[in-house]
Amino acid sequence: MIFLMGNWGSGADELRELVRAVVREEIKRLAYDPTFSVQGMEYKPLYKMKEVCKLFEVSRQTIYEWIKIGKLRPVKVRSRVYFLWKDLEELIKTENVNEIDEWIG
């Protein structure tokens, strides 16, 4: 838990920057937590396209776009496409940071 002490100033901008700094610090701390997990998902090394679509609540086309721009890296086994857990974990962390940055402005 983080405790904030000292002079906060009186401006809304100062408060916003303070909150932003605290949130970023917590995200960094959590990002390196080796016990990272996603609620409702069990750990397994490979995930099918359908599972990834469900996890991120996106279409197959979106997954293919993410592959095209390098956001996700597919692993092909014969004619099937899979995704590694560590790659999905990184994407989840990145998406969470982006959502929080958008939320705080």
Protein backbone atom coordinates (compact mmCIF):
# COMPACT_ATOMS: atom_id res chain seq x y z
CA MET A 1 0.00 0.00 0.00
CA ILE A 2 1.24 3.46 -0.80
CA PHE A 3 0.88 6.35 1.62
CA LEU A 4 1.04 9.87 0.29
CA MET A 5 2.51 12.51 2.50
CA GLY A 6 3.56 16.09 2.02
CA ASN A 7 2.12 19.14 0.33
CA TRP A 8 -0.33 18.17 -2.42
CA GLY A 9 -0.86 21.68 -3.65
CA SER A 10 -4.25 23.07 -4.44
CA GLY A 11 -4.60 22.48 -8.16
CA ALA A 12 -6.60 19.75 -9.83
CA ASP A 13 -3.70 19.21 -12.26
CA GLU A 14 -1.31 18.51 -9.41
CA LEU A 15 -3.73 16.00 -7.92
CA ARG A 16 -4.24 14.32 -11.31
CA GLU A 17 -0.46 13.99 -11.77
CA LEU A 18 -0.09 12.57 -8.28
CA VAL A 19 -2.80 9.97 -8.90
CA ARG A 20 -1.23 9.14 -12.26
CA ALA A 21 2.17 8.59 -10.63
CA VAL A 22 0.69 6.36 -7.92
CA VAL A 23 -1.26 4.27 -10.43
CA ARG A 24 1.81 3.82 -12.66
CA GLU A 25 3.90 2.77 -9.65
CA GLU A 26 1.30 0.18 -8.65
CA ILE A 27 1.04 -1.14 -12.22
CA LYS A 28 4.81 -1.58 -12.39
CA ARG A 29 4.78 -3.35 -9.05
CA LEU A 30 1.99 -5.69 -10.14
CA ALA A 31 3.47 -6.26 -13.59
CA TYR A 32 6.43 -8.06 -12.05
CA ASP A 33 4.32 -10.17 -9.72
CA PRO A 34 5.16 -13.81 -10.53
CA THR A 35 1.70 -14.90 -9.32
CA PHE A 36 -0.07 -12.95 -12.10
CA SER A 37 -3.30 -14.64 -13.14
CA VAL A 38 -6.47 -13.90 -15.04
CA GLN A 39 -9.72 -14.61 -13.28
CA GLY A 40 -11.52 -17.54 -14.88
CA MET A 41 -8.49 -18.71 -16.86
CA GLU A 42 -6.34 -21.60 -15.81
CA TYR A 43 -2.67 -21.65 -16.75
CA LYS A 44 -1.74 -23.80 -19.70
CA PRO A 45 1.11 -23.31 -22.16
CA LEU A 46 -0.92 -22.99 -25.39
CA TYR A 47 -4.28 -21.39 -26.12
CA LYS A 48 -6.48 -21.88 -29.17
CA MET A 49 -7.77 -18.99 -31.27
CA LYS A 50 -11.28 -19.44 -29.86
CA GLU A 51 -9.99 -19.20 -26.27
CA VAL A 52 -8.02 -16.02 -27.03
CA CYS A 53 -11.08 -14.44 -28.68
CA LYS A 54 -13.13 -15.24 -25.59
CA LEU A 55 -10.45 -13.98 -23.19
CA PHE A 56 -10.15 -10.58 -24.91
CA GLU A 57 -13.79 -10.46 -26.07
CA VAL A 58 -12.77 -9.79 -29.66
CA SER A 59 -13.36 -11.40 -33.05
CA ARG A 60 -10.99 -13.67 -34.97
CA GLN A 61 -10.40 -10.79 -37.37
CA THR A 62 -9.13 -8.63 -34.49
CA ILE A 63 -6.73 -11.40 -33.46
CA TYR A 64 -5.44 -11.58 -37.05
CA GLU A 65 -4.97 -7.79 -37.04
CA TRP A 66 -3.03 -8.05 -33.76
CA ILE A 67 -0.82 -10.70 -35.37
CA LYS A 68 -0.29 -8.47 -38.41
CA ILE A 69 0.83 -5.47 -36.32
CA GLY A 70 2.95 -7.61 -33.98
CA LYS A 71 0.75 -7.33 -30.91
CA LEU A 72 0.42 -11.14 -30.73
CA ARG A 73 2.70 -13.87 -31.98
CA PRO A 74 1.11 -17.10 -33.22
CA VAL A 75 2.61 -20.55 -32.81
CA LYS A 76 1.70 -22.95 -35.60
CA VAL A 77 1.43 -26.65 -34.90
CA ARG A 78 0.70 -28.42 -38.15
CA SER A 79 -2.22 -26.45 -39.59
CA ARG A 80 -3.47 -25.04 -36.29
CA VAL A 81 -2.70 -21.67 -34.70
CA TYR A 82 -1.99 -21.38 -30.98
CA PHE A 83 -0.79 -18.65 -28.67
CA LEU A 84 1.67 -18.91 -25.78
CA TRP A 85 0.49 -18.00 -22.29
CA LYS A 86 3.46 -15.68 -21.72
CA ASP A 87 2.51 -13.67 -24.84
CA LEU A 88 -1.12 -13.42 -23.71
CA GLU A 89 0.00 -12.39 -20.23
CA GLU A 90 2.13 -9.56 -21.71
CA LEU A 91 -0.78 -8.38 -23.86
CA ILE A 92 -3.13 -8.38 -20.85
CA LYS A 93 -0.67 -6.29 -18.84
CA THR A 94 -0.21 -3.87 -21.74
CA GLU A 95 -3.96 -3.52 -22.31
CA ASN A 96 -4.55 -2.87 -18.60
CA VAL A 97 -1.93 -0.11 -18.55
CA ASN A 98 -3.46 1.49 -21.67
CA GLU A 99 -6.98 1.38 -20.20
CA ILE A 100 -5.85 3.01 -16.98
CA ASP A 101 -3.92 5.71 -18.85
CA GLU A 102 -7.04 6.50 -20.90
CA TRP A 103 -9.21 6.51 -17.78
CA ILE A 104 -7.05 9.01 -15.88
CA GLY A 105 -6.66 11.22 -18.91
